[in-house]
Amino acid sequence: MEARLDSREDRKLTLKVLGGLTPVLAALALFALRPATVIGVDGSSLGSSVGEMDGDCAELANGLWSCKVQDSVSSGAAMTVKTKTFGSWEAWTGDRPIERREPSDSGCIDVLDVL
């Protein structure tokens, strides 16, 4: 009888520990997969994500950014970038309004862009 009580208490303790760890692990997973959702978007992390190697972005308004991107394809090219939910983005090059053309690139800010 006493062994059964110990077993029941062990299960309760295990469930309490798992219940406490689940939110912590979920928050860590969210940060690792989509850090911009947790800490927001900044010019450096967005520039790193858009430029893949090096870049810097300045916020314009309403989720629009202007990014100067240095990568193997373009040297200092200016791009208009629109941020979306969960740190995803779409980018356009050229002077025409972005509503009238398809994005030239898209992606998401990941943990390596933030670090």
Protein backbone atom coordinates (compact mmCIF):
# COMPACT_ATOMS: atom_id res chain seq x y z
CA MET A 1 0.00 0.00 0.00
CA GLU A 2 2.80 2.37 0.90
CA ALA A 3 4.60 1.67 -2.41
CA ARG A 4 1.43 2.62 -4.29
CA LEU A 5 1.24 5.96 -2.43
CA ASP A 6 4.87 6.70 -3.25
CA SER A 7 4.21 5.92 -6.89
CA ARG A 8 1.18 8.22 -6.93
CA GLU A 9 3.18 11.02 -5.27
CA ASP A 10 6.00 10.54 -7.80
CA ARG A 11 3.51 10.93 -10.66
CA LYS A 12 2.07 14.09 -9.12
CA LEU A 13 5.54 15.55 -8.72
CA THR A 14 6.44 14.64 -12.31
CA LEU A 15 3.27 16.31 -13.62
CA LYS A 16 3.98 19.46 -11.59
CA VAL A 17 7.54 19.66 -12.93
CA LEU A 18 6.39 19.10 -16.52
CA GLY A 19 3.60 21.64 -16.07
CA GLY A 20 6.11 24.21 -14.87
CA LEU A 21 8.67 23.51 -17.58
CA THR A 22 6.26 23.51 -20.52
CA PRO A 23 5.74 27.31 -20.67
CA VAL A 24 9.48 27.91 -20.30
CA LEU A 25 10.32 25.50 -23.11
CA ALA A 26 7.58 27.00 -25.31
CA ALA A 27 8.99 30.51 -24.78
CA LEU A 28 12.52 29.33 -25.61
CA ALA A 29 11.28 27.60 -28.77
CA LEU A 30 9.38 30.72 -29.83
CA PHE A 31 12.48 32.86 -29.32
CA ALA A 32 14.69 30.43 -31.24
CA LEU A 33 12.29 30.16 -34.18
CA ARG A 34 10.92 33.72 -34.34
CA PRO A 35 12.89 36.06 -32.06
CA ALA A 36 11.28 39.21 -33.51
CA THR A 37 7.96 38.06 -32.06
CA VAL A 38 9.50 38.20 -28.59
CA ILE A 39 11.90 41.17 -28.78
CA GLY A 40 10.61 43.14 -31.79
CA VAL A 41 12.29 44.19 -35.02
CA ASP A 42 15.33 46.46 -35.12
CA GLY A 43 17.37 47.79 -38.03
CA SER A 44 20.41 45.66 -37.35
CA SER A 45 18.65 42.28 -37.15
CA LEU A 46 16.41 43.11 -40.13
CA GLY A 47 19.45 44.24 -42.13
CA SER A 48 21.27 41.03 -41.27
CA SER A 49 18.29 38.94 -42.36
CA VAL A 50 17.70 40.87 -45.60
CA GLY A 51 21.35 41.25 -46.51
CA GLU A 52 22.34 37.75 -45.39
CA MET A 53 25.86 38.99 -44.71
CA ASP A 54 25.75 42.65 -43.75
CA GLY A 55 23.13 45.36 -43.89
CA ASP A 56 21.47 48.16 -42.02
CA CYS A 57 17.86 49.32 -42.06
CA ALA A 58 16.09 52.50 -41.00
CA GLU A 59 12.41 52.45 -40.09
CA LEU A 60 10.20 54.61 -42.29
CA ALA A 61 6.60 54.08 -41.09
CA ASN A 62 3.89 51.44 -40.69
CA GLY A 63 6.23 48.45 -40.89
CA LEU A 64 8.20 49.84 -43.86
CA TRP A 65 11.96 50.01 -43.70
CA SER A 66 14.70 51.29 -45.98
CA CYS A 67 17.64 48.90 -46.08
CA LYS A 68 21.10 49.33 -47.56
CA VAL A 69 22.29 45.84 -48.24
CA GLN A 70 25.84 44.59 -48.78
CA ASP A 71 25.96 41.02 -50.02
CA SER A 72 27.48 38.95 -52.80
CA VAL A 73 24.73 40.00 -55.24
CA SER A 74 24.35 43.74 -54.65
CA SER A 75 26.83 46.21 -53.28
CA GLY A 76 25.04 48.82 -51.17
CA ALA A 77 21.72 48.45 -52.98
CA ALA A 78 18.72 50.18 -51.40
CA MET A 79 15.69 48.01 -50.75
CA THR A 80 12.25 48.79 -49.37
CA VAL A 81 11.30 46.16 -46.81
CA LYS A 82 7.88 45.54 -45.29
CA THR A 83 7.82 43.60 -42.04
CA LYS A 84 4.94 41.27 -41.36
CA THR A 85 3.89 39.04 -38.49
CA PHE A 86 6.35 36.86 -36.57
CA GLY A 87 9.41 38.64 -38.00
CA SER A 88 8.76 37.75 -41.64
CA TRP A 89 9.47 40.33 -44.34
CA GLU A 90 9.21 41.07 -48.07
CA ALA A 91 11.66 43.28 -49.95
CA TRP A 92 11.52 45.29 -53.16
CA THR A 93 14.15 47.04 -55.23
CA GLY A 94 13.49 49.90 -57.63
CA ASP A 95 11.45 53.09 -57.51
CA ARG A 96 7.90 51.97 -58.37
CA PRO A 97 5.40 51.76 -55.47
CA ILE A 98 5.54 48.35 -53.81
CA GLU A 99 1.77 47.85 -54.22
CA ARG A 100 2.27 47.52 -57.99
CA ARG A 101 4.95 44.83 -58.11
CA GLU A 102 5.94 41.47 -56.75
CA PRO A 103 8.55 41.33 -53.97
CA SER A 104 12.08 40.60 -55.13
CA ASP A 105 12.93 38.72 -51.94
CA SER A 106 11.34 37.49 -48.70
CA GLY A 107 12.37 35.81 -45.49
CA CYS A 108 12.20 35.80 -41.70
CA ILE A 109 14.42 37.15 -38.97
CA ASP A 110 15.96 34.19 -37.14
CA VAL A 111 17.99 33.84 -33.98
CA LEU A 112 21.32 34.20 -35.85
CA ASP A 113 20.23 37.62 -37.15
CA VAL A 114 19.55 38.79 -33.60
CA LEU A 115 22.83 37.51 -32.09
